[in-house]
Amino acid sequence: MENLGTSLWITLIGMGIVFAAIILLWGLMVLLVRVTRDKPQEEVSVLETNKPSMDLKAKAAAVAVAVALATSKTSSYQGEFQPPSDTVSAWQSANRTNQA
């Protein structure tokens, strides 16, 4: 009975050390975030400063269409589905026989 009590105390102390270490690391992370955080700057709306003109939007759309057309012509996909062959390799045969 004394061994059970000793083992429970050892378990309790070990778990306490683990949770204390987790809490310590959590506190260190919070401290690092607070120390290394950038100073707050003036709040400026991103939408107000980066309003693209319609000309820029049209150019971006034209570039997107050109890229899509270029990649569709160089694609290796032929649009045909080729069913698997009827022959089975030795590797496939060995693995299929090993399945239970």
N, C-alpha and C. Protein backbone atom coordinates (compact mmCIF):
# COMPACT_ATOMS: atom_id res chain seq x y z
N MET A 1 0.82 -1.19 0.00
CA MET A 1 0.00 0.00 0.00
C MET A 1 0.87 1.26 0.00
N GLU A 2 2.04 1.12 0.62
CA GLU A 2 2.94 2.27 0.66
C GLU A 2 3.49 2.58 -0.73
N ASN A 3 3.71 1.54 -1.55
CA ASN A 3 4.19 1.74 -2.92
C ASN A 3 3.18 2.50 -3.76
N LEU A 4 1.90 2.22 -3.53
CA LEU A 4 0.85 2.91 -4.28
C LEU A 4 0.83 4.39 -3.91
N GLY A 5 0.97 4.69 -2.64
CA GLY A 5 0.99 6.09 -2.21
C GLY A 5 2.19 6.83 -2.76
N THR A 6 3.33 6.17 -2.76
CA THR A 6 4.56 6.78 -3.30
C THR A 6 4.42 7.03 -4.79
N SER A 7 3.86 6.06 -5.52
CA SER A 7 3.71 6.24 -6.96
C SER A 7 2.70 7.34 -7.28
N LEU A 8 1.66 7.47 -6.48
CA LEU A 8 0.70 8.56 -6.70
C LEU A 8 1.34 9.92 -6.45
N TRP A 9 2.19 10.02 -5.40
CA TRP A 9 2.87 11.29 -5.14
C TRP A 9 3.83 11.65 -6.28
N ILE A 10 4.56 10.63 -6.77
CA ILE A 10 5.48 10.88 -7.89
C ILE A 10 4.70 11.34 -9.12
N THR A 11 3.56 10.70 -9.39
CA THR A 11 2.72 11.10 -10.53
C THR A 11 2.21 12.52 -10.34
N LEU A 12 1.74 12.85 -9.16
CA LEU A 12 1.22 14.19 -8.88
C LEU A 12 2.30 15.25 -9.05
N ILE A 13 3.49 14.97 -8.55
CA ILE A 13 4.59 15.93 -8.69
C ILE A 13 4.99 16.08 -10.15
N GLY A 14 5.06 14.97 -10.89
CA GLY A 14 5.41 15.04 -12.31
C GLY A 14 4.39 15.83 -13.11
N MET A 15 3.10 15.58 -12.86
CA MET A 15 2.06 16.33 -13.58
C MET A 15 2.11 17.81 -13.22
N GLY A 16 2.39 18.10 -11.96
CA GLY A 16 2.50 19.49 -11.54
C GLY A 16 3.64 20.21 -12.25
N ILE A 17 4.77 19.52 -12.39
CA ILE A 17 5.92 20.11 -13.09
C ILE A 17 5.58 20.35 -14.55
N VAL A 18 4.89 19.39 -15.19
CA VAL A 18 4.52 19.55 -16.60
C VAL A 18 3.59 20.75 -16.78
N PHE A 19 2.55 20.85 -15.96
CA PHE A 19 1.62 21.97 -16.10
C PHE A 19 2.27 23.29 -15.74
N ALA A 20 3.17 23.29 -14.77
CA ALA A 20 3.88 24.53 -14.42
C ALA A 20 4.74 24.98 -15.60
N ALA A 21 5.39 24.03 -16.27
CA ALA A 21 6.22 24.38 -17.43
C ALA A 21 5.35 24.92 -18.57
N ILE A 22 4.18 24.33 -18.78
CA ILE A 22 3.27 24.83 -19.83
C ILE A 22 2.83 26.24 -19.52
N ILE A 23 2.46 26.50 -18.28
CA ILE A 23 2.03 27.85 -17.89
C ILE A 23 3.18 28.83 -18.01
N LEU A 24 4.38 28.42 -17.65
CA LEU A 24 5.55 29.29 -17.78
C LEU A 24 5.81 29.65 -19.24
N LEU A 25 5.75 28.65 -20.14
CA LEU A 25 5.96 28.92 -21.56
C LEU A 25 4.86 29.83 -22.12
N TRP A 26 3.63 29.62 -21.67
CA TRP A 26 2.52 30.47 -22.10
C TRP A 26 2.79 31.93 -21.69
N GLY A 27 3.22 32.11 -20.45
CA GLY A 27 3.53 33.46 -19.97
C GLY A 27 4.67 34.09 -20.76
N LEU A 28 5.69 33.31 -21.09
CA LEU A 28 6.80 33.83 -21.88
C LEU A 28 6.34 34.25 -23.28
N MET A 29 5.45 33.47 -23.88
CA MET A 29 4.94 33.84 -25.21
C MET A 29 4.13 35.13 -25.15
N VAL A 30 3.31 35.28 -24.12
CA VAL A 30 2.53 36.52 -23.97
C VAL A 30 3.47 37.70 -23.78
N LEU A 31 4.50 37.52 -22.98
CA LEU A 31 5.47 38.60 -22.75
C LEU A 31 6.19 38.98 -24.04
N LEU A 32 6.63 37.97 -24.83
CA LEU A 32 7.31 38.25 -26.09
C LEU A 32 6.41 38.98 -27.08
N VAL A 33 5.14 38.60 -27.12
CA VAL A 33 4.22 39.27 -28.04
C VAL A 33 4.04 40.72 -27.63
N ARG A 34 3.93 40.98 -26.34
CA ARG A 34 3.75 42.37 -25.88
C ARG A 34 5.00 43.21 -26.12
N VAL A 35 6.16 42.61 -25.96
CA VAL A 35 7.41 43.35 -26.11
C VAL A 35 7.69 43.63 -27.58
N THR A 36 7.44 42.66 -28.44
CA THR A 36 7.81 42.81 -29.86
C THR A 36 6.68 43.36 -30.73
N ARG A 37 5.55 43.68 -30.15
CA ARG A 37 4.45 44.22 -30.93
C ARG A 37 4.81 45.59 -31.48
N ASP A 38 4.40 45.84 -32.72
CA ASP A 38 4.65 47.14 -33.33
C ASP A 38 3.80 48.20 -32.65
N LYS A 39 4.33 49.40 -32.65
CA LYS A 39 3.59 50.52 -32.08
C LYS A 39 2.37 50.82 -32.95
N PRO A 40 1.25 51.12 -32.35
CA PRO A 40 0.07 51.43 -33.18
C PRO A 40 0.28 52.73 -33.94
N GLN A 41 -0.04 52.68 -35.23
CA GLN A 41 0.11 53.85 -36.07
C GLN A 41 -1.26 54.43 -36.33
N GLU A 42 -1.27 55.53 -37.06
CA GLU A 42 -2.55 56.14 -37.41
C GLU A 42 -3.35 55.15 -38.25
N GLU A 43 -4.63 55.05 -37.93
CA GLU A 43 -5.48 54.15 -38.68
C GLU A 43 -5.91 54.81 -39.98
N VAL A 44 -5.50 54.22 -41.07
CA VAL A 44 -5.87 54.71 -42.39
C VAL A 44 -6.58 53.57 -43.10
N SER A 45 -7.71 53.88 -43.66
CA SER A 45 -8.47 52.85 -44.35
C SER A 45 -7.72 52.40 -45.59
N VAL A 46 -7.57 51.08 -45.73
CA VAL A 46 -6.88 50.52 -46.88
C VAL A 46 -7.68 50.77 -48.14
N LEU A 47 -8.98 50.74 -48.03
CA LEU A 47 -9.81 50.95 -49.21
C LEU A 47 -9.70 52.37 -49.75
N GLU A 48 -9.49 53.32 -48.87
CA GLU A 48 -9.39 54.71 -49.32
C GLU A 48 -8.06 54.99 -49.99
N THR A 49 -6.99 54.36 -49.53
CA THR A 49 -5.67 54.66 -50.08
C THR A 49 -5.36 53.86 -51.32
N ASN A 50 -5.97 52.69 -51.48
CA ASN A 50 -5.63 51.82 -52.60
C ASN A 50 -6.79 51.66 -53.57
N LYS A 51 -7.44 52.75 -53.93
CA LYS A 51 -8.54 52.65 -54.88
C LYS A 51 -7.97 52.57 -56.29
N PRO A 52 -8.03 51.38 -56.91
CA PRO A 52 -7.52 51.29 -58.28
C PRO A 52 -8.48 51.94 -59.26
N SER A 53 -7.91 52.55 -60.26
CA SER A 53 -8.75 53.18 -61.27
C SER A 53 -9.35 52.11 -62.17
N MET A 54 -10.34 52.47 -62.94
CA MET A 54 -10.99 51.52 -63.84
C MET A 54 -10.00 51.04 -64.91
N ASP A 55 -9.08 51.92 -65.31
CA ASP A 55 -8.09 51.54 -66.30
C ASP A 55 -7.20 50.42 -65.76
N LEU A 56 -6.82 50.53 -64.50
CA LEU A 56 -5.98 49.51 -63.88
C LEU A 56 -6.74 48.19 -63.75
N LYS A 57 -8.03 48.27 -63.44
CA LYS A 57 -8.85 47.06 -63.34
C LYS A 57 -8.98 46.38 -64.70
N ALA A 58 -9.13 47.17 -65.74
CA ALA A 58 -9.26 46.60 -67.08
C ALA A 58 -7.95 45.92 -67.50
N LYS A 59 -6.81 46.53 -67.16
CA LYS A 59 -5.52 45.93 -67.48
C LYS A 59 -5.34 44.61 -66.72
N ALA A 60 -5.74 44.59 -65.46
CA ALA A 60 -5.61 43.37 -64.65
C ALA A 60 -6.49 42.26 -65.22
N ALA A 61 -7.68 42.60 -65.66
CA ALA A 61 -8.57 41.61 -66.25
C ALA A 61 -7.99 41.07 -67.56
N ALA A 62 -7.40 41.96 -68.37
CA ALA A 62 -6.81 41.52 -69.63
C ALA A 62 -5.62 40.59 -69.39
N VAL A 63 -4.81 40.90 -68.39
CA VAL A 63 -3.68 40.04 -68.06
C VAL A 63 -4.17 38.68 -67.57
N ALA A 64 -5.22 38.66 -66.76
CA ALA A 64 -5.75 37.40 -66.26
C ALA A 64 -6.27 36.53 -67.39
N VAL A 65 -6.95 37.13 -68.35
CA VAL A 65 -7.47 36.38 -69.49
C VAL A 65 -6.31 35.84 -70.34
N ALA A 66 -5.28 36.66 -70.55
CA ALA A 66 -4.14 36.23 -71.35
C ALA A 66 -3.41 35.06 -70.69
N VAL A 67 -3.25 35.12 -69.40
CA VAL A 67 -2.58 34.03 -68.68
C VAL A 67 -3.41 32.77 -68.74
N ALA A 68 -4.73 32.90 -68.57
CA ALA A 68 -5.60 31.72 -68.63
C ALA A 68 -5.56 31.08 -70.01
N LEU A 69 -5.56 31.89 -71.05
CA LEU A 69 -5.49 31.34 -72.40
C LEU A 69 -4.14 30.67 -72.66
N ALA A 70 -3.07 31.28 -72.19
CA ALA A 70 -1.75 30.71 -72.42
C ALA A 70 -1.58 29.38 -71.68
N THR A 71 -2.07 29.30 -70.47
CA THR A 71 -1.93 28.05 -69.72
C THR A 71 -2.85 26.97 -70.24
N SER A 72 -3.97 27.34 -70.82
CA SER A 72 -4.87 26.31 -71.35
C SER A 72 -4.30 25.70 -72.63
N LYS A 73 -3.51 26.43 -73.37
CA LYS A 73 -2.91 25.90 -74.60
C LYS A 73 -1.73 25.00 -74.29
N THR A 74 -1.03 25.25 -73.18
CA THR A 74 0.14 24.46 -72.85
C THR A 74 -0.19 23.31 -71.91
N SER A 75 -1.44 23.12 -71.59
CA SER A 75 -1.82 22.07 -70.67
C SER A 75 -1.62 20.70 -71.31
N SER A 76 -1.19 19.73 -70.51
CA SER A 76 -0.96 18.39 -71.03
C SER A 76 -2.22 17.55 -71.01
N TYR A 77 -3.28 18.06 -70.43
CA TYR A 77 -4.53 17.31 -70.34
C TYR A 77 -5.19 17.28 -71.71
N GLN A 78 -5.53 16.09 -72.19
CA GLN A 78 -6.11 15.94 -73.52
C GLN A 78 -7.63 15.88 -73.49
N GLY A 79 -8.22 15.74 -72.35
CA GLY A 79 -9.66 15.69 -72.26
C GLY A 79 -10.23 14.30 -72.45
N GLU A 80 -9.40 13.31 -72.57
CA GLU A 80 -9.86 11.95 -72.75
C GLU A 80 -9.51 11.14 -71.51
N PHE A 81 -10.43 10.27 -71.15
CA PHE A 81 -10.17 9.37 -70.03
C PHE A 81 -9.68 8.05 -70.57
N GLN A 82 -8.56 7.62 -70.08
CA GLN A 82 -8.03 6.33 -70.51
C GLN A 82 -8.22 5.33 -69.38
N PRO A 83 -9.01 4.30 -69.60
CA PRO A 83 -9.25 3.32 -68.55
C PRO A 83 -7.97 2.55 -68.24
N PRO A 84 -7.86 2.03 -67.03
CA PRO A 84 -6.65 1.28 -66.69
C PRO A 84 -6.54 0.03 -67.56
N SER A 85 -5.31 -0.36 -67.79
CA SER A 85 -5.07 -1.52 -68.66
C SER A 85 -5.48 -2.81 -67.94
N ASP A 86 -5.69 -3.85 -68.71
CA ASP A 86 -6.09 -5.14 -68.15
C ASP A 86 -4.92 -5.89 -67.55
N THR A 87 -3.72 -5.51 -67.89
CA THR A 87 -2.56 -6.20 -67.35
C THR A 87 -2.25 -5.70 -65.95
N VAL A 88 -1.83 -6.60 -65.11
CA VAL A 88 -1.50 -6.27 -63.72
C VAL A 88 -0.02 -6.53 -63.53
N SER A 89 0.67 -5.56 -62.97
CA SER A 89 2.10 -5.72 -62.76
C SER A 89 2.36 -6.70 -61.61
N ALA A 90 3.58 -7.15 -61.50
CA ALA A 90 3.94 -8.08 -60.44
C ALA A 90 3.78 -7.44 -59.06
N TRP A 91 4.08 -6.16 -58.98
CA TRP A 91 3.95 -5.44 -57.72
C TRP A 91 2.49 -5.40 -57.30
N GLN A 92 1.58 -5.06 -58.22
CA GLN A 92 0.16 -5.02 -57.90
C GLN A 92 -0.36 -6.39 -57.51
N SER A 93 0.08 -7.43 -58.21
CA SER A 93 -0.36 -8.78 -57.91
C SER A 93 0.09 -9.20 -56.52
N ALA A 94 1.33 -8.91 -56.16
CA ALA A 94 1.85 -9.28 -54.85
C ALA A 94 1.10 -8.54 -53.74
N ASN A 95 0.84 -7.26 -53.94
CA ASN A 95 0.14 -6.48 -52.91
C ASN A 95 -1.32 -6.90 -52.78
N ARG A 96 -1.95 -7.28 -53.86
CA ARG A 96 -3.35 -7.69 -53.80
C ARG A 96 -3.48 -9.04 -53.09
N THR A 97 -2.51 -9.91 -53.26
CA THR A 97 -2.58 -11.20 -52.58
C THR A 97 -2.28 -11.07 -51.09
N ASN A 98 -1.53 -10.02 -50.69
CA ASN A 98 -1.20 -9.82 -49.28
C ASN A 98 -2.32 -9.17 -48.50
N GLN A 99 -3.30 -8.59 -49.18
CA GLN A 99 -4.42 -7.94 -48.49
C GLN A 99 -5.30 -9.00 -47.86
N ALA A 100 -5.69 -8.74 -46.65
CA ALA A 100 -6.53 -9.73 -45.97
C ALA A 100 -7.96 -9.26 -45.89
